[in-house]
Amino acid sequence: MKNFPLKIFLAMFLASAFFLTSQKVFAETIDYSEVCESIEKIDEKCETLSQKECKEFLKQCESYLEDKTSQIEKDIEKTGKEKKTLQNEISVLKKKIQSLDYQIYEGNVMIKDLSLQIKDTFSLRYFWYSASGILFKINRGRVPKIS
C-alpha cells in the first residue's frame, strides 16, 4: 500500500498526458479552404500524416471541394437567373423609352399644329392697329370704310 499514492499519481499523470495529446490531435482544425485548394499544400500536409490519415484527409478535401463546387454551381445558376431577369427589365424599360419618345414626338407635332392654327387665327381675325391716334379696323386684309 506504500506505492498506492505513487500508482494513483502515475495513473493520473498518464491519463492527463493521454488526454492532452488526444485533445491536441482533435483540437487541430484544418482550414480546408486554404489547404485543399493547393496541390502543394495537400502534399505538405500528407507528408506529416500516416497513409491512413492522409487518405482520410484527402476524402475530407474531396468533400470540401465537392461542396464548394456545388455552391459555385448554385451561384452561377442564380447569377444566370438574375441576368435573365435584368435583361427582361431592360427590355421593358427600352419599350417604355420608345413609347415616351413617340409621345414626345406627337406632342411636338401637336404644338407645331397649334402654332400654325394660332398664326392662321391671327391673320384671319380682326385686330386693332393704332397709328397717329386713329384706329383702323382691319378685316382680313380689307380696310373698312370709316364713317
Protein backbone atom coordinates (compact mmCIF):
# COMPACT_ATOMS: atom_id res chain seq x y z
CA MET A 1 0.00 0.00 0.00
CA LYS A 2 3.02 2.24 0.23
CA ASN A 3 3.13 2.60 -3.52
CA PHE A 4 -0.60 3.22 -3.79
CA PRO A 5 -0.27 7.06 -3.89
CA LEU A 6 2.54 6.71 -6.41
CA LYS A 7 0.38 4.43 -8.57
CA ILE A 8 -2.52 6.89 -8.40
CA PHE A 9 -0.15 9.73 -9.28
CA LEU A 10 1.25 7.78 -12.25
CA ALA A 11 -2.23 6.77 -13.42
CA MET A 12 -3.42 10.37 -13.23
CA PHE A 13 -0.28 11.59 -14.98
CA LEU A 14 -0.67 9.08 -17.81
CA ALA A 15 -4.38 9.82 -18.12
CA SER A 16 -3.75 13.56 -18.30
CA ALA A 17 -0.92 13.07 -20.81
CA PHE A 18 -3.20 10.91 -22.96
CA PHE A 19 -6.00 13.43 -22.58
CA LEU A 20 -3.76 16.36 -23.58
CA THR A 21 -2.30 14.60 -26.62
CA SER A 22 -5.72 13.44 -27.76
CA GLN A 23 -7.00 16.99 -27.31
CA LYS A 24 -4.13 18.26 -29.41
CA VAL A 25 -4.97 15.82 -32.20
CA PHE A 26 -8.70 16.56 -32.04
CA ALA A 27 -8.25 20.28 -31.45
CA GLU A 28 -6.21 20.66 -34.61
CA THR A 29 -8.58 22.26 -37.08
CA ILE A 30 -7.78 22.33 -40.73
CA ASP A 31 -8.63 25.29 -42.90
CA TYR A 32 -9.75 23.32 -45.93
CA SER A 33 -10.23 26.45 -48.00
CA GLU A 34 -6.54 27.14 -47.66
CA VAL A 35 -5.06 23.63 -47.71
CA CYS A 36 -7.29 21.76 -50.16
CA GLU A 37 -7.08 24.31 -52.97
CA SER A 38 -3.34 23.91 -53.46
CA ILE A 39 -1.80 20.61 -54.50
CA GLU A 40 1.50 21.66 -52.89
CA LYS A 41 -0.19 22.25 -49.54
CA ILE A 42 -2.03 18.92 -49.80
CA ASP A 43 1.32 17.20 -50.41
CA GLU A 44 2.89 19.03 -47.45
CA LYS A 45 0.00 18.02 -45.19
CA CYS A 46 0.10 14.37 -46.30
CA GLU A 47 3.84 14.22 -45.62
CA THR A 48 3.15 14.90 -41.94
CA LEU A 49 0.39 12.25 -41.74
CA SER A 50 0.29 8.50 -41.88
CA GLN A 51 -1.03 6.86 -45.02
CA LYS A 52 -4.40 6.19 -43.38
CA GLU A 53 -4.65 9.75 -42.05
CA CYS A 54 -3.65 11.11 -45.46
CA LYS A 55 -6.43 9.10 -47.14
CA GLU A 56 -8.93 10.47 -44.60
CA PHE A 57 -7.59 13.97 -45.16
CA LEU A 58 -7.90 13.56 -48.94
CA LYS A 59 -11.50 12.36 -48.52
CA GLN A 60 -12.24 15.44 -46.44
CA CYS A 61 -10.63 17.64 -49.09
CA GLU A 62 -12.69 15.91 -51.74
CA SER A 63 -15.85 16.51 -49.72
CA TYR A 64 -14.91 20.16 -49.18
CA LEU A 65 -14.18 20.70 -52.88
CA GLU A 66 -17.44 18.99 -53.92
CA ASP A 67 -19.38 21.25 -51.54
CA LYS A 68 -17.56 24.28 -52.90
CA THR A 69 -18.25 23.19 -56.50
CA SER A 70 -21.91 22.73 -55.67
CA GLN A 71 -22.08 26.19 -54.12
CA ILE A 72 -20.37 27.75 -57.14
CA GLU A 73 -22.81 25.98 -59.49
CA LYS A 74 -25.72 27.35 -57.44
CA ASP A 75 -24.19 30.82 -57.60
CA ILE A 76 -23.77 30.54 -61.37
CA GLU A 77 -27.39 29.42 -61.75
CA LYS A 78 -28.59 32.25 -59.51
CA THR A 79 -26.47 34.75 -61.43
CA GLY A 80 -27.86 33.43 -64.73
CA LYS A 81 -31.43 33.88 -63.47
CA GLU A 82 -30.63 37.38 -62.23
CA LYS A 83 -29.09 38.19 -65.62
CA LYS A 84 -32.20 36.99 -67.41
CA THR A 85 -34.44 38.99 -65.06
CA LEU A 86 -32.34 42.11 -65.57
CA GLN A 87 -32.39 41.63 -69.36
CA ASN A 88 -36.19 41.44 -69.22
CA GLU A 89 -36.30 44.62 -67.12
CA ILE A 90 -34.00 46.35 -69.62
CA SER A 91 -36.27 45.26 -72.47
CA VAL A 92 -39.35 46.63 -70.66
CA LEU A 93 -37.56 49.91 -69.94
CA LYS A 94 -36.46 50.24 -73.60
CA LYS A 95 -40.08 49.78 -74.69
CA LYS A 96 -41.19 52.45 -72.20
CA ILE A 97 -38.49 54.79 -73.52
CA GLN A 98 -39.66 54.20 -77.10
CA SER A 99 -43.25 54.90 -76.05
CA LEU A 100 -42.21 58.11 -74.29
CA ASP A 101 -40.15 59.19 -77.32
CA TYR A 102 -43.20 58.65 -79.52
CA GLN A 103 -45.40 60.62 -77.10
CA ILE A 104 -42.87 63.47 -77.12
CA TYR A 105 -42.83 63.39 -80.93
CA GLU A 106 -46.66 63.51 -81.00
CA GLY A 107 -46.63 66.39 -78.50
CA ASN A 108 -44.16 68.33 -80.67
CA VAL A 109 -46.31 67.74 -83.77
CA MET A 110 -49.39 68.95 -81.87
CA ILE A 111 -47.51 72.06 -80.70
CA LYS A 112 -46.45 72.86 -84.28
CA ASP A 113 -50.02 72.33 -85.45
CA LEU A 114 -51.39 74.59 -82.72
CA SER A 115 -48.77 77.23 -83.55
CA LEU A 116 -49.90 77.19 -87.20
CA GLN A 117 -53.56 77.40 -86.11
CA ILE A 118 -52.76 80.39 -83.88
CA LYS A 119 -50.95 82.15 -86.74
CA ASP A 120 -53.87 81.43 -89.07
CA THR A 121 -56.33 82.68 -86.46
CA PHE A 122 -54.47 85.95 -86.00
CA SER A 123 -54.12 86.52 -89.72
CA LEU A 124 -57.86 85.88 -90.33
CA ARG A 125 -59.40 87.55 -87.30
CA TYR A 126 -59.91 91.15 -86.51
CA PHE A 127 -57.17 93.03 -84.84
CA TRP A 128 -56.79 96.59 -83.95
CA TYR A 129 -53.98 98.74 -85.09
CA SER A 130 -53.28 102.21 -83.70
CA ALA A 131 -51.40 104.82 -85.66
CA SER A 132 -51.42 108.61 -85.20
CA GLY A 133 -54.34 108.40 -82.79
CA ILE A 134 -56.72 106.95 -85.42
CA LEU A 135 -57.97 103.42 -85.00
CA PHE A 136 -58.34 101.30 -88.07
CA LYS A 137 -60.24 98.09 -88.02
CA ILE A 138 -58.72 95.69 -90.46
CA ASN A 139 -60.74 92.66 -91.50
CA ARG A 140 -58.96 90.02 -93.50
CA GLY A 141 -56.74 92.44 -95.29
CA ARG A 142 -59.54 94.89 -96.22
CA VAL A 143 -59.83 98.29 -94.66
CA PRO A 144 -63.48 99.03 -93.78
CA LYS A 145 -64.98 102.39 -94.56
CA ILE A 146 -64.77 104.85 -91.72
CA SER A 147 -67.96 106.82 -91.29
